[in-house]
Amino acid sequence: MALLEATNITKVFGGLTAVNDVTLTIEQGSIVSVIGPNGAGKTTFFNILTGIYKPDQGQVLFDGKPIAGLRPDQIAALGMRRTFQNIRLFHNMTVLENVLVGRHTHLHAPIWNILLRNRSLRSEEGKARDHSRELLRFVGLDRKRDELAKNLPYGDQRRLEIARALAGDPKLILLDEPTAGMNPNETADATNLIRRLRDERGVTVVLIEHDMRLVMAISE
């Protein structure tokens, strides 16, 4: 069953066509790689899917619903999350707090009340923290939950981004160059984690990646 259908997507900036008539269907439970040279429009395409840009032409269906023109937060609430080519963490917050922020769409109270431990919200806080710690165990960062995000090694920061994306219980995760800048051991660990997203958590994965060995090993 198709989870994501992008049909005839075009995006033009001034006189530059960044994305030209792209059609892509993503089946539920698959791992799919989007490849191409730098400047080919891959990240722009992700930005269209996640609501940062509105396509000039074409249609995007997610889980059968049209989403072109929705805000990024609305699309995230439907079950699509992403990571970025340039890591975007809250560097002066702890590892655990970063994941809690990713959980905000499932909280009935404002995230800052949860982080400040408002007494009336202890039950919700506890559930959110338990879920966030489970995700940190999944990506191998639970022992570092109280460290500041800025102090993590590069590969761990990438893992934290994935944990934060998982905090929203997504159906689909878009990973923008998840192994960029990693050494071979970190790349192997990241490849295994991407497989586990699908195999253990049932998340469909679309990634932008330049490492063709990884692409051939993991994509369907």
N, C-alpha and C. Protein backbone atom coordinates (compact mmCIF):
# COMPACT_ATOMS: atom_id res chain seq x y z
N MET A 1 0.84 -1.19 0.00
CA MET A 1 0.00 0.00 0.00
C MET A 1 0.88 1.24 0.00
N ALA A 2 0.54 2.22 -0.83
CA ALA A 2 1.33 3.44 -0.93
C ALA A 2 1.09 4.32 0.30
N LEU A 3 2.17 4.68 0.98
CA LEU A 3 2.08 5.59 2.11
C LEU A 3 2.26 7.03 1.66
N LEU A 4 3.13 7.23 0.67
CA LEU A 4 3.40 8.57 0.15
C LEU A 4 3.37 8.52 -1.37
N GLU A 5 2.64 9.46 -1.96
CA GLU A 5 2.58 9.57 -3.42
C GLU A 5 2.82 11.02 -3.80
N ALA A 6 3.94 11.28 -4.46
CA ALA A 6 4.24 12.61 -4.99
C ALA A 6 4.15 12.52 -6.51
N THR A 7 3.34 13.37 -7.10
CA THR A 7 3.05 13.27 -8.52
C THR A 7 3.35 14.58 -9.23
N ASN A 8 4.25 14.52 -10.22
CA ASN A 8 4.56 15.66 -11.09
C ASN A 8 4.94 16.91 -10.29
N ILE A 9 5.83 16.73 -9.31
CA ILE A 9 6.21 17.84 -8.44
C ILE A 9 7.24 18.73 -9.13
N THR A 10 6.94 20.02 -9.19
CA THR A 10 7.84 21.02 -9.76
C THR A 10 7.94 22.20 -8.80
N LYS A 11 9.17 22.70 -8.63
CA LYS A 11 9.39 23.89 -7.82
C LYS A 11 10.41 24.77 -8.51
N VAL A 12 10.05 26.05 -8.69
CA VAL A 12 10.90 27.01 -9.39
C VAL A 12 11.20 28.17 -8.45
N PHE A 13 12.48 28.53 -8.37
CA PHE A 13 12.90 29.71 -7.62
C PHE A 13 13.44 30.73 -8.62
N GLY A 14 12.70 31.82 -8.83
CA GLY A 14 13.11 32.77 -9.85
C GLY A 14 13.13 32.09 -11.21
N GLY A 15 14.29 32.09 -11.87
CA GLY A 15 14.40 31.40 -13.15
C GLY A 15 14.99 30.01 -13.03
N LEU A 16 15.21 29.53 -11.80
CA LEU A 16 15.85 28.23 -11.59
C LEU A 16 14.82 27.18 -11.22
N THR A 17 14.77 26.11 -12.01
CA THR A 17 13.89 24.98 -11.69
C THR A 17 14.66 24.04 -10.77
N ALA A 18 14.28 24.03 -9.50
CA ALA A 18 14.98 23.21 -8.51
C ALA A 18 14.50 21.77 -8.53
N VAL A 19 13.22 21.57 -8.75
CA VAL A 19 12.62 20.23 -8.85
C VAL A 19 11.74 20.23 -10.08
N ASN A 20 11.96 19.26 -10.96
CA ASN A 20 11.29 19.28 -12.26
C ASN A 20 10.49 18.01 -12.50
N ASP A 21 9.17 18.08 -12.31
CA ASP A 21 8.25 17.02 -12.70
C ASP A 21 8.62 15.67 -12.08
N VAL A 22 8.82 15.67 -10.76
CA VAL A 22 9.22 14.46 -10.05
C VAL A 22 7.99 13.69 -9.58
N THR A 23 7.99 12.40 -9.86
CA THR A 23 6.94 11.50 -9.38
C THR A 23 7.59 10.37 -8.59
N LEU A 24 7.09 10.12 -7.39
CA LEU A 24 7.67 9.10 -6.52
C LEU A 24 6.57 8.49 -5.66
N THR A 25 6.56 7.16 -5.61
CA THR A 25 5.62 6.44 -4.75
C THR A 25 6.41 5.63 -3.73
N ILE A 26 6.06 5.79 -2.46
CA ILE A 26 6.73 5.09 -1.37
C ILE A 26 5.74 4.12 -0.74
N GLU A 27 6.08 2.84 -0.79
CA GLU A 27 5.20 1.83 -0.20
C GLU A 27 5.43 1.75 1.31
N GLN A 28 4.36 1.50 2.03
CA GLN A 28 4.47 1.35 3.47
C GLN A 28 5.41 0.19 3.82
N GLY A 29 6.30 0.44 4.80
CA GLY A 29 7.24 -0.59 5.24
C GLY A 29 8.49 -0.72 4.39
N SER A 30 8.74 0.23 3.51
CA SER A 30 9.91 0.15 2.63
C SER A 30 11.02 1.09 3.11
N ILE A 31 12.22 0.86 2.57
CA ILE A 31 13.35 1.78 2.74
C ILE A 31 13.77 2.19 1.34
N VAL A 32 13.68 3.48 1.05
CA VAL A 32 13.92 3.99 -0.30
C VAL A 32 14.97 5.10 -0.24
N SER A 33 15.91 5.08 -1.18
CA SER A 33 16.94 6.12 -1.26
C SER A 33 16.68 7.03 -2.44
N VAL A 34 16.88 8.32 -2.22
CA VAL A 34 16.83 9.33 -3.28
C VAL A 34 18.26 9.74 -3.55
N ILE A 35 18.73 9.53 -4.78
CA ILE A 35 20.13 9.80 -5.10
C ILE A 35 20.22 10.82 -6.22
N GLY A 36 21.40 11.41 -6.36
CA GLY A 36 21.64 12.40 -7.39
C GLY A 36 22.77 13.31 -6.97
N PRO A 37 23.36 14.05 -7.92
CA PRO A 37 24.49 14.93 -7.59
C PRO A 37 24.05 16.10 -6.73
N ASN A 38 25.02 16.75 -6.10
CA ASN A 38 24.73 17.97 -5.35
C ASN A 38 24.06 18.99 -6.26
N GLY A 39 23.03 19.64 -5.75
CA GLY A 39 22.31 20.62 -6.54
C GLY A 39 21.20 20.06 -7.39
N ALA A 40 20.95 18.75 -7.28
CA ALA A 40 19.90 18.13 -8.10
C ALA A 40 18.50 18.39 -7.57
N GLY A 41 18.38 18.95 -6.36
CA GLY A 41 17.06 19.27 -5.82
C GLY A 41 16.53 18.29 -4.80
N LYS A 42 17.39 17.41 -4.29
CA LYS A 42 16.92 16.37 -3.37
C LYS A 42 16.39 16.96 -2.06
N THR A 43 17.16 17.87 -1.47
CA THR A 43 16.70 18.47 -0.22
C THR A 43 15.49 19.36 -0.45
N THR A 44 15.46 20.05 -1.57
CA THR A 44 14.27 20.85 -1.91
C THR A 44 13.04 19.96 -2.01
N PHE A 45 13.20 18.77 -2.57
CA PHE A 45 12.09 17.82 -2.66
C PHE A 45 11.62 17.42 -1.26
N PHE A 46 12.55 17.13 -0.36
CA PHE A 46 12.19 16.84 1.03
C PHE A 46 11.45 18.03 1.66
N ASN A 47 11.93 19.24 1.36
CA ASN A 47 11.28 20.44 1.91
C ASN A 47 9.85 20.59 1.42
N ILE A 48 9.60 20.16 0.20
CA ILE A 48 8.23 20.18 -0.33
C ILE A 48 7.38 19.14 0.39
N LEU A 49 7.92 17.95 0.56
CA LEU A 49 7.15 16.89 1.21
C LEU A 49 6.77 17.26 2.63
N THR A 50 7.65 17.99 3.32
CA THR A 50 7.42 18.30 4.74
C THR A 50 6.80 19.67 4.96
N GLY A 51 6.43 20.37 3.89
CA GLY A 51 5.67 21.60 4.04
C GLY A 51 6.48 22.87 4.16
N ILE A 52 7.81 22.78 4.06
CA ILE A 52 8.62 24.00 4.10
C ILE A 52 8.39 24.82 2.84
N TYR A 53 8.30 24.15 1.70
CA TYR A 53 7.94 24.80 0.45
C TYR A 53 6.64 24.21 -0.08
N LYS A 54 5.89 25.04 -0.79
CA LYS A 54 4.70 24.57 -1.50
C LYS A 54 5.09 24.35 -2.96
N PRO A 55 4.72 23.20 -3.55
CA PRO A 55 5.09 22.97 -4.95
C PRO A 55 4.37 23.94 -5.88
N ASP A 56 5.05 24.33 -6.95
CA ASP A 56 4.40 25.16 -7.97
C ASP A 56 3.45 24.33 -8.82
N GLN A 57 3.79 23.07 -8.98
CA GLN A 57 2.92 22.13 -9.69
C GLN A 57 2.99 20.78 -8.98
N GLY A 58 1.93 20.00 -9.14
CA GLY A 58 1.94 18.63 -8.64
C GLY A 58 1.15 18.46 -7.36
N GLN A 59 1.08 17.22 -6.92
CA GLN A 59 0.27 16.84 -5.77
C GLN A 59 1.06 15.88 -4.88
N VAL A 60 0.87 16.01 -3.57
CA VAL A 60 1.48 15.09 -2.61
C VAL A 60 0.37 14.50 -1.75
N LEU A 61 0.29 13.18 -1.72
CA LEU A 61 -0.64 12.47 -0.85
C LEU A 61 0.15 11.71 0.20
N PHE A 62 -0.23 11.88 1.46
CA PHE A 62 0.39 11.13 2.55
C PHE A 62 -0.70 10.36 3.27
N ASP A 63 -0.57 9.04 3.25
CA ASP A 63 -1.59 8.17 3.85
C ASP A 63 -2.97 8.48 3.28
N GLY A 64 -2.97 8.78 1.97
CA GLY A 64 -4.22 9.04 1.26
C GLY A 64 -4.75 10.45 1.37
N LYS A 65 -4.07 11.32 2.11
CA LYS A 65 -4.56 12.68 2.33
C LYS A 65 -3.68 13.68 1.57
N PRO A 66 -4.27 14.67 0.90
CA PRO A 66 -3.46 15.70 0.23
C PRO A 66 -2.80 16.61 1.27
N ILE A 67 -1.50 16.82 1.13
CA ILE A 67 -0.78 17.61 2.14
C ILE A 67 -0.05 18.81 1.55
N ALA A 68 0.01 18.95 0.24
CA ALA A 68 0.69 20.10 -0.36
C ALA A 68 -0.02 21.37 0.11
N GLY A 69 0.74 22.28 0.70
CA GLY A 69 0.16 23.52 1.21
C GLY A 69 -0.06 23.51 2.71
N LEU A 70 0.01 22.34 3.36
CA LEU A 70 -0.09 22.29 4.81
C LEU A 70 1.20 22.80 5.45
N ARG A 71 1.08 23.30 6.68
CA ARG A 71 2.27 23.74 7.41
C ARG A 71 3.10 22.54 7.87
N PRO A 72 4.40 22.75 8.10
CA PRO A 72 5.24 21.64 8.58
C PRO A 72 4.71 20.97 9.84
N ASP A 73 4.18 21.75 10.79
CA ASP A 73 3.68 21.15 12.02
C ASP A 73 2.44 20.30 11.77
N GLN A 74 1.62 20.70 10.80
CA GLN A 74 0.44 19.91 10.46
C GLN A 74 0.84 18.58 9.82
N ILE A 75 1.84 18.62 8.96
CA ILE A 75 2.32 17.39 8.32
C ILE A 75 2.99 16.49 9.35
N ALA A 76 3.75 17.07 10.26
CA ALA A 76 4.38 16.28 11.32
C ALA A 76 3.33 15.58 12.17
N ALA A 77 2.24 16.28 12.47
CA ALA A 77 1.18 15.70 13.29
C ALA A 77 0.49 14.54 12.59
N LEU A 78 0.53 14.51 11.26
CA LEU A 78 -0.05 13.40 10.50
C LEU A 78 0.83 12.16 10.52
N GLY A 79 2.11 12.33 10.91
CA GLY A 79 2.99 11.17 11.02
C GLY A 79 4.19 11.17 10.11
N MET A 80 4.62 12.34 9.62
CA MET A 80 5.84 12.44 8.82
C MET A 80 6.86 13.29 9.57
N ARG A 81 8.02 12.72 9.83
CA ARG A 81 9.09 13.45 10.51
C ARG A 81 10.35 13.38 9.67
N ARG A 82 11.33 14.25 10.00
CA ARG A 82 12.55 14.28 9.20
C ARG A 82 13.74 14.66 10.06
N THR A 83 14.93 14.37 9.51
CA THR A 83 16.17 14.93 10.01
C THR A 83 16.75 15.81 8.90
N PHE A 84 17.80 16.56 9.24
CA PHE A 84 18.34 17.54 8.31
C PHE A 84 19.80 17.23 7.98
N GLN A 85 20.21 17.70 6.81
CA GLN A 85 21.60 17.52 6.39
C GLN A 85 22.55 18.18 7.40
N ASN A 86 22.20 19.38 7.83
CA ASN A 86 22.93 20.06 8.90
C ASN A 86 22.18 19.81 10.20
N ILE A 87 22.85 19.18 11.15
CA ILE A 87 22.19 18.76 12.39
C ILE A 87 21.53 19.95 13.08
N ARG A 88 20.27 19.76 13.47
CA ARG A 88 19.50 20.83 14.12
C ARG A 88 18.99 20.34 15.47
N LEU A 89 19.86 20.42 16.45
CA LEU A 89 19.51 20.06 17.81
C LEU A 89 19.45 21.32 18.67
N PHE A 90 18.83 21.20 19.85
CA PHE A 90 18.90 22.25 20.84
C PHE A 90 20.16 21.98 21.66
N HIS A 91 21.24 22.65 21.29
CA HIS A 91 22.56 22.26 21.78
C HIS A 91 22.75 22.49 23.27
N ASN A 92 22.04 23.44 23.84
CA ASN A 92 22.19 23.72 25.27
C ASN A 92 21.13 23.04 26.12
N MET A 93 20.40 22.11 25.52
CA MET A 93 19.48 21.26 26.25
C MET A 93 20.08 19.86 26.34
N THR A 94 19.61 19.08 27.31
CA THR A 94 20.13 17.73 27.46
C THR A 94 19.62 16.83 26.34
N VAL A 95 20.25 15.67 26.24
CA VAL A 95 19.83 14.67 25.26
C VAL A 95 18.36 14.30 25.49
N LEU A 96 17.98 14.06 26.74
CA LEU A 96 16.60 13.69 27.05
C LEU A 96 15.64 14.82 26.71
N GLU A 97 16.00 16.05 27.02
CA GLU A 97 15.12 17.18 26.73
C GLU A 97 14.91 17.35 25.23
N ASN A 98 15.93 17.08 24.43
CA ASN A 98 15.77 17.16 22.98
C ASN A 98 14.71 16.18 22.49
N VAL A 99 14.69 14.98 23.05
CA VAL A 99 13.69 14.00 22.64
C VAL A 99 12.31 14.41 23.13
N LEU A 100 12.22 14.97 24.33
CA LEU A 100 10.94 15.45 24.85
C LEU A 100 10.34 16.52 23.95
N VAL A 101 11.18 17.39 23.40
CA VAL A 101 10.68 18.40 22.47
C VAL A 101 10.05 17.73 21.25
N GLY A 102 10.65 16.65 20.78
CA GLY A 102 10.09 15.92 19.64
C GLY A 102 8.78 15.24 19.95
N ARG A 103 8.46 15.11 21.23
CA ARG A 103 7.22 14.46 21.65
C ARG A 103 6.06 15.44 21.78
N HIS A 104 6.30 16.72 21.52
CA HIS A 104 5.32 17.75 21.89
C HIS A 104 3.97 17.58 21.21
N THR A 105 3.92 17.00 20.00
CA THR A 105 2.63 16.86 19.31
C THR A 105 1.73 15.85 19.98
N HIS A 106 2.28 15.03 20.90
CA HIS A 106 1.47 14.03 21.60
C HIS A 106 1.14 14.45 23.03
N LEU A 107 1.56 15.65 23.42
CA LEU A 107 1.33 16.11 24.78
C LEU A 107 0.09 17.00 24.84
N HIS A 108 -0.67 16.86 25.91
CA HIS A 108 -1.84 17.71 26.10
C HIS A 108 -1.47 19.03 26.75
N ALA A 109 -0.30 19.08 27.34
CA ALA A 109 0.17 20.31 27.98
C ALA A 109 1.34 20.88 27.18
N PRO A 110 1.59 22.20 27.29
CA PRO A 110 2.73 22.79 26.59
C PRO A 110 4.03 22.11 26.99
N ILE A 111 4.92 21.95 26.02
CA ILE A 111 6.18 21.26 26.28
C ILE A 111 6.98 21.94 27.38
N TRP A 112 6.93 23.27 27.46
CA TRP A 112 7.74 23.96 28.46
C TRP A 112 7.23 23.67 29.87
N ASN A 113 5.91 23.43 30.02
CA ASN A 113 5.40 23.01 31.33
C ASN A 113 5.95 21.64 31.71
N ILE A 114 6.07 20.76 30.71
CA ILE A 114 6.64 19.43 30.98
C ILE A 114 8.10 19.57 31.40
N LEU A 115 8.85 20.37 30.67
CA LEU A 115 10.27 20.52 30.97
C LEU A 115 10.48 21.19 32.32
N LEU A 116 9.58 22.10 32.72
CA LEU A 116 9.71 22.79 33.99
C LEU A 116 9.10 22.02 35.15
N ARG A 117 8.53 20.84 34.85
CA ARG A 117 8.02 19.94 35.88
C ARG A 117 6.90 20.57 36.70
N ASN A 118 5.95 21.19 36.03
CA ASN A 118 4.76 21.69 36.70
C ASN A 118 4.11 20.55 37.48
N ARG A 119 3.82 20.77 38.76
CA ARG A 119 3.35 19.70 39.63
C ARG A 119 2.07 19.04 39.13
N SER A 120 1.20 19.84 38.52
CA SER A 120 -0.08 19.29 38.06
C SER A 120 0.08 18.39 36.84
N LEU A 121 1.28 18.34 36.31
CA LEU A 121 1.49 17.59 35.07
C LEU A 121 2.45 16.42 35.27
N ARG A 122 2.61 15.96 36.51
CA ARG A 122 3.61 14.92 36.77
C ARG A 122 3.31 13.62 36.03
N SER A 123 2.04 13.26 35.93
CA SER A 123 1.69 12.01 35.25
C SER A 123 2.08 12.06 33.78
N GLU A 124 1.72 13.16 33.12
CA GLU A 124 2.07 13.29 31.71
C GLU A 124 3.57 13.40 31.52
N GLU A 125 4.21 14.11 32.43
CA GLU A 125 5.67 14.23 32.37
C GLU A 125 6.32 12.85 32.47
N GLY A 126 5.83 12.05 33.41
CA GLY A 126 6.42 10.73 33.59
C GLY A 126 6.28 9.86 32.37
N LYS A 127 5.10 9.88 31.75
CA LYS A 127 4.88 9.09 30.54
C LYS A 127 5.77 9.56 29.41
N ALA A 128 5.88 10.88 29.26
CA ALA A 128 6.71 11.43 28.19
C ALA A 128 8.18 11.07 28.40
N ARG A 129 8.63 11.16 29.64
CA ARG A 129 10.03 10.84 29.93
C ARG A 129 10.31 9.35 29.75
N ASP A 130 9.37 8.51 30.17
CA ASP A 130 9.56 7.06 29.98
C ASP A 130 9.66 6.72 28.50
N HIS A 131 8.78 7.33 27.70
CA HIS A 131 8.81 7.06 26.26
C HIS A 131 10.11 7.57 25.64
N SER A 132 10.54 8.74 26.07
CA SER A 132 11.77 9.32 25.52
C SER A 132 12.98 8.47 25.89
N ARG A 133 13.01 7.96 27.12
CA ARG A 133 14.13 7.10 27.52
C ARG A 133 14.13 5.79 26.73
N GLU A 134 12.95 5.27 26.44
CA GLU A 134 12.88 4.05 25.64
C GLU A 134 13.46 4.30 24.25
N LEU A 135 13.19 5.46 23.68
CA LEU A 135 13.74 5.79 22.37
C LEU A 135 15.26 5.97 22.45
N LEU A 136 15.74 6.56 23.53
CA LEU A 136 17.18 6.70 23.69
C LEU A 136 17.86 5.35 23.84
N ARG A 137 17.20 4.42 24.51
CA ARG A 137 17.75 3.05 24.58
C ARG A 137 17.80 2.44 23.18
N PHE A 138 16.76 2.69 22.40
CA PHE A 138 16.69 2.13 21.04
C PHE A 138 17.87 2.61 20.19
N VAL A 139 18.23 3.88 20.31
CA VAL A 139 19.33 4.41 19.49
C VAL A 139 20.68 4.32 20.20
N GLY A 140 20.70 3.80 21.43
CA GLY A 140 21.96 3.60 22.13
C GLY A 140 22.49 4.81 22.88
N LEU A 141 21.59 5.71 23.31
CA LEU A 141 22.04 6.93 23.97
C LEU A 141 21.49 7.11 25.39
N ASP A 142 20.84 6.10 25.95
CA ASP A 142 20.20 6.29 27.25
C ASP A 142 21.21 6.67 28.33
N ARG A 143 22.41 6.11 28.28
CA ARG A 143 23.41 6.44 29.30
C ARG A 143 23.90 7.88 29.20
N LYS A 144 23.62 8.53 28.08
CA LYS A 144 24.05 9.91 27.88
C LYS A 144 22.89 10.89 27.97
N ARG A 145 21.77 10.46 28.54
CA ARG A 145 20.54 11.25 28.50
C ARG A 145 20.67 12.60 29.21
N ASP A 146 21.56 12.70 30.20
CA ASP A 146 21.70 13.95 30.95
C ASP A 146 22.82 14.84 30.44
N GLU A 147 23.51 14.41 29.39
CA GLU A 147 24.56 15.25 28.79
C GLU A 147 23.93 16.31 27.90
N LEU A 148 24.61 17.44 27.76
CA LEU A 148 24.16 18.44 26.81
C LEU A 148 24.38 17.94 25.39
N ALA A 149 23.43 18.24 24.52
CA ALA A 149 23.51 17.75 23.15
C ALA A 149 24.79 18.22 22.46
N LYS A 150 25.24 19.43 22.79
CA LYS A 150 26.42 19.97 22.11
C LYS A 150 27.69 19.20 22.47
N ASN A 151 27.67 18.44 23.55
CA ASN A 151 28.86 17.69 23.97
C ASN A 151 28.93 16.29 23.39
N LEU A 152 27.91 15.88 22.65
CA LEU A 152 27.91 14.54 22.05
C LEU A 152 28.86 14.48 20.86
N PRO A 153 29.50 13.33 20.63
CA PRO A 153 30.23 13.13 19.38
C PRO A 153 29.28 13.25 18.19
N TYR A 154 29.86 13.51 17.03
CA TYR A 154 29.06 13.76 15.83
C TYR A 154 28.08 12.63 15.54
N GLY A 155 28.56 11.39 15.57
CA GLY A 155 27.69 10.26 15.26
C GLY A 155 26.53 10.15 16.23
N ASP A 156 26.79 10.46 17.51
CA ASP A 156 25.72 10.42 18.51
C ASP A 156 24.70 11.53 18.29
N GLN A 157 25.16 12.68 17.81
CA GLN A 157 24.21 13.75 17.49
C GLN A 157 23.26 13.32 16.38
N ARG A 158 23.78 12.58 15.41
CA ARG A 158 22.91 12.04 14.36
C ARG A 158 21.88 11.06 14.94
N ARG A 159 22.33 10.23 15.88
CA ARG A 159 21.41 9.29 16.53
C ARG A 159 20.33 10.04 17.32
N LEU A 160 20.74 11.11 17.97
CA LEU A 160 19.78 11.89 18.74
C LEU A 160 18.73 12.52 17.83
N GLU A 161 19.14 12.99 16.67
CA GLU A 161 18.16 13.52 15.72
C GLU A 161 17.11 12.47 15.35
N ILE A 162 17.57 11.24 15.15
CA ILE A 162 16.64 10.17 14.81
C ILE A 162 15.71 9.87 15.98
N ALA A 163 16.26 9.84 17.20
CA ALA A 163 15.42 9.60 18.38
C ALA A 163 14.36 10.69 18.52
N ARG A 164 14.75 11.93 18.29
CA ARG A 164 13.78 13.03 18.38
C ARG A 164 12.70 12.90 17.32
N ALA A 165 13.08 12.49 16.12
CA ALA A 165 12.08 12.26 15.07
C ALA A 165 11.13 11.14 15.46
N LEU A 166 11.66 10.09 16.08
CA LEU A 166 10.83 8.96 16.51
C LEU A 166 9.86 9.34 17.62
N ALA A 167 10.17 10.40 18.36
CA ALA A 167 9.34 10.77 19.50
C ALA A 167 7.91 11.10 19.10
N GLY A 168 7.70 11.49 17.85
CA GLY A 168 6.36 11.78 17.37
C GLY A 168 5.61 10.58 16.85
N ASP A 169 6.14 9.37 17.07
CA ASP A 169 5.52 8.13 16.58
C ASP A 169 5.19 8.22 15.09
N PRO A 170 6.19 8.50 14.25
CA PRO A 170 5.92 8.71 12.82
C PRO A 170 5.63 7.42 12.08
N LYS A 171 4.90 7.56 10.99
CA LYS A 171 4.73 6.48 10.02
C LYS A 171 5.87 6.50 9.01
N LEU A 172 6.40 7.71 8.75
CA LEU A 172 7.44 7.91 7.74
C LEU A 172 8.50 8.85 8.29
N ILE A 173 9.77 8.48 8.11
CA ILE A 173 10.89 9.35 8.46
C ILE A 173 11.69 9.64 7.20
N LEU A 174 11.99 10.91 6.98
CA LEU A 174 12.86 11.34 5.89
C LEU A 174 14.22 11.68 6.50
N LEU A 175 15.27 11.02 6.04
CA LEU A 175 16.62 11.22 6.56
C LEU A 175 17.47 11.88 5.48
N ASP A 176 17.94 13.09 5.75
CA ASP A 176 18.72 13.84 4.77
C ASP A 176 20.21 13.63 5.06
N GLU A 177 20.84 12.78 4.26
CA GLU A 177 22.26 12.44 4.38
C GLU A 177 22.62 12.01 5.81
N PRO A 178 22.01 10.93 6.30
CA PRO A 178 22.20 10.53 7.70
C PRO A 178 23.60 10.07 8.05
N THR A 179 24.42 9.71 7.06
CA THR A 179 25.79 9.26 7.36
C THR A 179 26.85 10.25 6.91
N ALA A 180 26.45 11.45 6.50
CA ALA A 180 27.43 12.44 6.04
C ALA A 180 28.42 12.76 7.16
N GLY A 181 29.70 12.72 6.84
CA GLY A 181 30.74 13.06 7.81
C GLY A 181 31.11 11.95 8.77
N MET A 182 30.53 10.78 8.61
CA MET A 182 30.80 9.68 9.53
C MET A 182 31.99 8.84 9.06
N ASN A 183 32.68 8.23 10.02
CA ASN A 183 33.72 7.28 9.68
C ASN A 183 33.08 5.93 9.36
N PRO A 184 33.84 4.96 8.84
CA PRO A 184 33.23 3.68 8.44
C PRO A 184 32.49 2.96 9.55
N ASN A 185 33.01 2.98 10.78
CA ASN A 185 32.32 2.31 11.88
C ASN A 185 31.00 3.00 12.20
N GLU A 186 31.01 4.32 12.22
CA GLU A 186 29.77 5.06 12.47
C GLU A 186 28.76 4.83 11.36
N THR A 187 29.24 4.75 10.12
CA THR A 187 28.34 4.49 9.00
C THR A 187 27.69 3.12 9.12
N ALA A 188 28.48 2.12 9.51
CA ALA A 188 27.92 0.77 9.69
C ALA A 188 26.87 0.76 10.79
N ASP A 189 27.13 1.47 11.89
CA ASP A 189 26.15 1.54 12.97
C ASP A 189 24.88 2.25 12.52
N ALA A 190 25.05 3.34 11.76
CA ALA A 190 23.89 4.08 11.27
C ALA A 190 23.06 3.24 10.30
N THR A 191 23.74 2.47 9.46
CA THR A 191 23.03 1.59 8.52
C THR A 191 22.18 0.59 9.27
N ASN A 192 22.74 0.01 10.31
CA ASN A 192 21.99 -0.94 11.13
C ASN A 192 20.79 -0.28 11.80
N LEU A 193 20.98 0.94 12.29
CA LEU A 193 19.89 1.66 12.94
C LEU A 193 18.76 1.95 11.96
N ILE A 194 19.10 2.32 10.74
CA ILE A 194 18.07 2.60 9.73
C ILE A 194 17.26 1.34 9.45
N ARG A 195 17.93 0.21 9.33
CA ARG A 195 17.19 -1.05 9.14
C ARG A 195 16.24 -1.32 10.31
N ARG A 196 16.73 -1.07 11.51
CA ARG A 196 15.92 -1.34 12.70
C ARG A 196 14.70 -0.42 12.79
N LEU A 197 14.80 0.78 12.24
CA LEU A 197 13.64 1.66 12.20
C LEU A 197 12.46 0.97 11.53
N ARG A 198 12.75 0.32 10.42
CA ARG A 198 11.71 -0.39 9.69
C ARG A 198 11.36 -1.74 10.34
N ASP A 199 12.39 -2.52 10.66
CA ASP A 199 12.16 -3.89 11.11
C ASP A 199 11.59 -3.98 12.52
N GLU A 200 12.02 -3.08 13.41
CA GLU A 200 11.60 -3.17 14.81
C GLU A 200 10.51 -2.17 15.18
N ARG A 201 10.42 -1.06 14.46
CA ARG A 201 9.44 -0.04 14.82
C ARG A 201 8.40 0.18 13.74
N GLY A 202 8.55 -0.50 12.61
CA GLY A 202 7.54 -0.40 11.56
C GLY A 202 7.48 0.93 10.85
N VAL A 203 8.59 1.68 10.87
CA VAL A 203 8.62 3.01 10.26
C VAL A 203 9.14 2.90 8.83
N THR A 204 8.44 3.52 7.91
CA THR A 204 8.90 3.62 6.53
C THR A 204 9.98 4.70 6.46
N VAL A 205 11.03 4.45 5.66
CA VAL A 205 12.18 5.35 5.63
C VAL A 205 12.48 5.77 4.20
N VAL A 206 12.67 7.08 4.01
CA VAL A 206 13.20 7.61 2.75
C VAL A 206 14.45 8.41 3.10
N LEU A 207 15.56 8.12 2.43
CA LEU A 207 16.79 8.82 2.75
C LEU A 207 17.45 9.39 1.51
N ILE A 208 18.08 10.53 1.70
CA ILE A 208 19.01 11.10 0.73
C ILE A 208 20.40 10.65 1.14
N GLU A 209 21.14 10.06 0.22
CA GLU A 209 22.44 9.51 0.60
C GLU A 209 23.37 9.49 -0.61
N HIS A 210 24.65 9.83 -0.37
CA HIS A 210 25.66 9.79 -1.42
C HIS A 210 26.53 8.54 -1.36
N ASP A 211 26.50 7.83 -0.25
CA ASP A 211 27.30 6.61 -0.10
C ASP A 211 26.58 5.47 -0.82
N MET A 212 27.05 5.14 -2.02
CA MET A 212 26.33 4.16 -2.84
C MET A 212 26.41 2.76 -2.27
N ARG A 213 27.44 2.46 -1.50
CA ARG A 213 27.48 1.14 -0.85
C ARG A 213 26.33 1.00 0.14
N LEU A 214 26.09 2.06 0.90
CA LEU A 214 24.96 2.04 1.82
C LEU A 214 23.64 1.95 1.06
N VAL A 215 23.52 2.75 0.01
CA VAL A 215 22.28 2.76 -0.78
C VAL A 215 21.97 1.38 -1.32
N MET A 216 22.96 0.72 -1.88
CA MET A 216 22.73 -0.61 -2.47
C MET A 216 22.46 -1.65 -1.40
N ALA A 217 23.03 -1.46 -0.21
CA ALA A 217 22.85 -2.46 0.85
C ALA A 217 21.51 -2.36 1.53
N ILE A 218 20.92 -1.17 1.54
CA ILE A 218 19.77 -0.96 2.41
C ILE A 218 18.46 -0.69 1.66
N SER A 219 18.55 -0.23 0.43
CA SER A 219 17.35 0.22 -0.29
C SER A 219 16.62 -0.93 -0.96
N GLU A 220 15.34 -0.71 -1.20
CA GLU A 220 14.52 -1.72 -1.86
C GLU A 220 14.16 -1.28 -3.27
